[in-house]
Structure formats: C-alpha cells, structure tokens
Amino acid sequence: MMNTQDNQTIHFALCLNNEGYKASLEVGKLYRIIVDEQAASHGLIRIVDESGEDYAFSAKRFYPVQLPQNVEEVLLTSS
C-alpha cells in the first residue's frame, strides 16, 4: 500500500475524516502510521491515535504524507 523509502518503516498520514471517532481522531492532524500488512490487506491503516495507542482505521480516513527525513526525525523524537 505505502512504499517505504530507504527501508524507512515509520510514516505519517493526515486525518481527513473522524466521523464516529471524534474522541480518537482529529481532522487535519498528522498521525504516525504503524506498518501492518495484515490490516493493509483489509483496507485498514494502523495509526497511533489520541489515546497514544495504535488502532486500525479505514485507510480512506487518511491521506499518507511523505515528509522530509529531517522533519520526520523531529516528529519521532518529540513523541
């Protein structure tokens, strides 16, 4: 589903729809993706939501964002 660059396994996605999950997701917020091939095969994406835990949501709720490596490093070290 989402290709990795330089064997990088951490990605980010922008939330486009939080209907039914208003406590877990914020529209317009960038979320960390946890690679889960099994979830992806079912049209799902595993993200770390507002609870700080990772859950699988419909991939249609998100837009994958390729960030520059230095930006991704800053986001990962701050979480």
Protein backbone atom coordinates (compact mmCIF):
# COMPACT_ATOMS: atom_id res chain seq x y z
CA MET A 1 0.00 0.00 0.00
CA MET A 2 2.50 2.62 1.11
CA ASN A 3 6.01 2.13 -0.18
CA THR A 4 8.93 2.78 2.09
CA GLN A 5 11.86 4.93 1.15
CA ASP A 6 15.34 3.86 2.30
CA ASN A 7 13.74 0.96 4.24
CA GLN A 8 12.05 3.50 6.48
CA THR A 9 9.21 1.85 8.36
CA ILE A 10 7.61 4.87 10.01
CA HIS A 11 5.26 7.09 8.06
CA PHE A 12 2.70 9.75 8.74
CA ALA A 13 -0.84 10.33 7.47
CA LEU A 14 -3.22 13.26 7.62
CA CYS A 15 -6.68 12.56 9.05
CA LEU A 16 -9.44 13.55 6.61
CA ASN A 17 -12.47 12.07 8.38
CA ASN A 18 -13.13 11.39 12.08
CA GLU A 19 -16.84 10.54 11.82
CA GLY A 20 -17.65 8.05 14.57
CA TYR A 21 -14.22 8.51 16.17
CA LYS A 22 -14.27 12.15 17.33
CA ALA A 23 -12.54 11.29 20.62
CA SER A 24 -9.84 9.26 18.85
CA LEU A 25 -9.07 11.29 15.72
CA GLU A 26 -8.79 14.97 14.81
CA VAL A 27 -9.40 16.08 11.22
CA GLY A 28 -6.34 17.83 9.82
CA LYS A 29 -3.95 16.25 12.31
CA LEU A 30 -0.87 14.28 11.29
CA TYR A 31 -0.75 10.76 12.77
CA ARG A 32 2.06 8.24 12.99
CA ILE A 33 1.47 5.07 10.98
CA ILE A 34 2.42 1.64 12.31
CA VAL A 35 3.16 -0.72 9.41
CA ASP A 36 0.66 -3.59 9.49
CA GLU A 37 0.49 -5.63 6.29
CA GLN A 38 -2.46 -7.68 7.53
CA ALA A 39 -4.52 -4.55 8.25
CA ALA A 40 -3.49 -3.05 4.88
CA SER A 41 -4.75 -6.17 3.09
CA HIS A 42 -8.19 -5.37 4.54
CA GLY A 43 -8.14 -1.68 3.54
CA LEU A 44 -7.13 -0.54 7.00
CA ILE A 45 -4.30 1.62 8.30
CA ARG A 46 -2.87 1.27 11.81
CA ILE A 47 -2.17 4.63 13.43
CA VAL A 48 -1.31 5.95 16.88
CA ASP A 49 -4.49 7.84 17.82
CA GLU A 50 -5.30 10.42 20.52
CA SER A 51 -5.17 7.75 23.24
CA GLY A 52 -1.50 7.15 22.41
CA GLU A 53 -2.29 3.57 21.40
CA ASP A 54 -2.27 2.13 17.89
CA TYR A 55 -5.56 1.10 16.28
CA ALA A 56 -6.63 0.12 12.77
CA PHE A 57 -8.96 2.51 10.94
CA SER A 58 -10.23 2.61 7.37
CA ALA A 59 -7.40 3.84 5.16
CA LYS A 60 -9.95 6.08 3.41
CA ARG A 61 -9.96 8.29 6.52
CA PHE A 62 -6.32 9.27 5.95
CA TYR A 63 -4.03 10.75 3.34
CA PRO A 64 -0.44 9.41 3.52
CA VAL A 65 2.12 12.20 3.68
CA GLN A 66 5.76 11.83 2.63
CA LEU A 67 7.75 14.10 4.93
CA PRO A 68 11.36 15.16 4.54
CA GLN A 69 13.60 12.92 6.64
CA ASN A 70 14.72 15.74 8.97
CA VAL A 71 11.08 16.68 9.70
CA GLU A 72 10.15 13.05 10.36
CA GLU A 73 13.10 12.68 12.74
CA VAL A 74 11.96 15.71 14.76
CA LEU A 75 8.39 14.41 14.97
CA LEU A 76 9.53 10.96 16.04
CA THR A 77 11.86 12.22 18.76
CA SER A 78 9.18 14.50 20.21
CA SER A 79 6.65 11.68 20.64
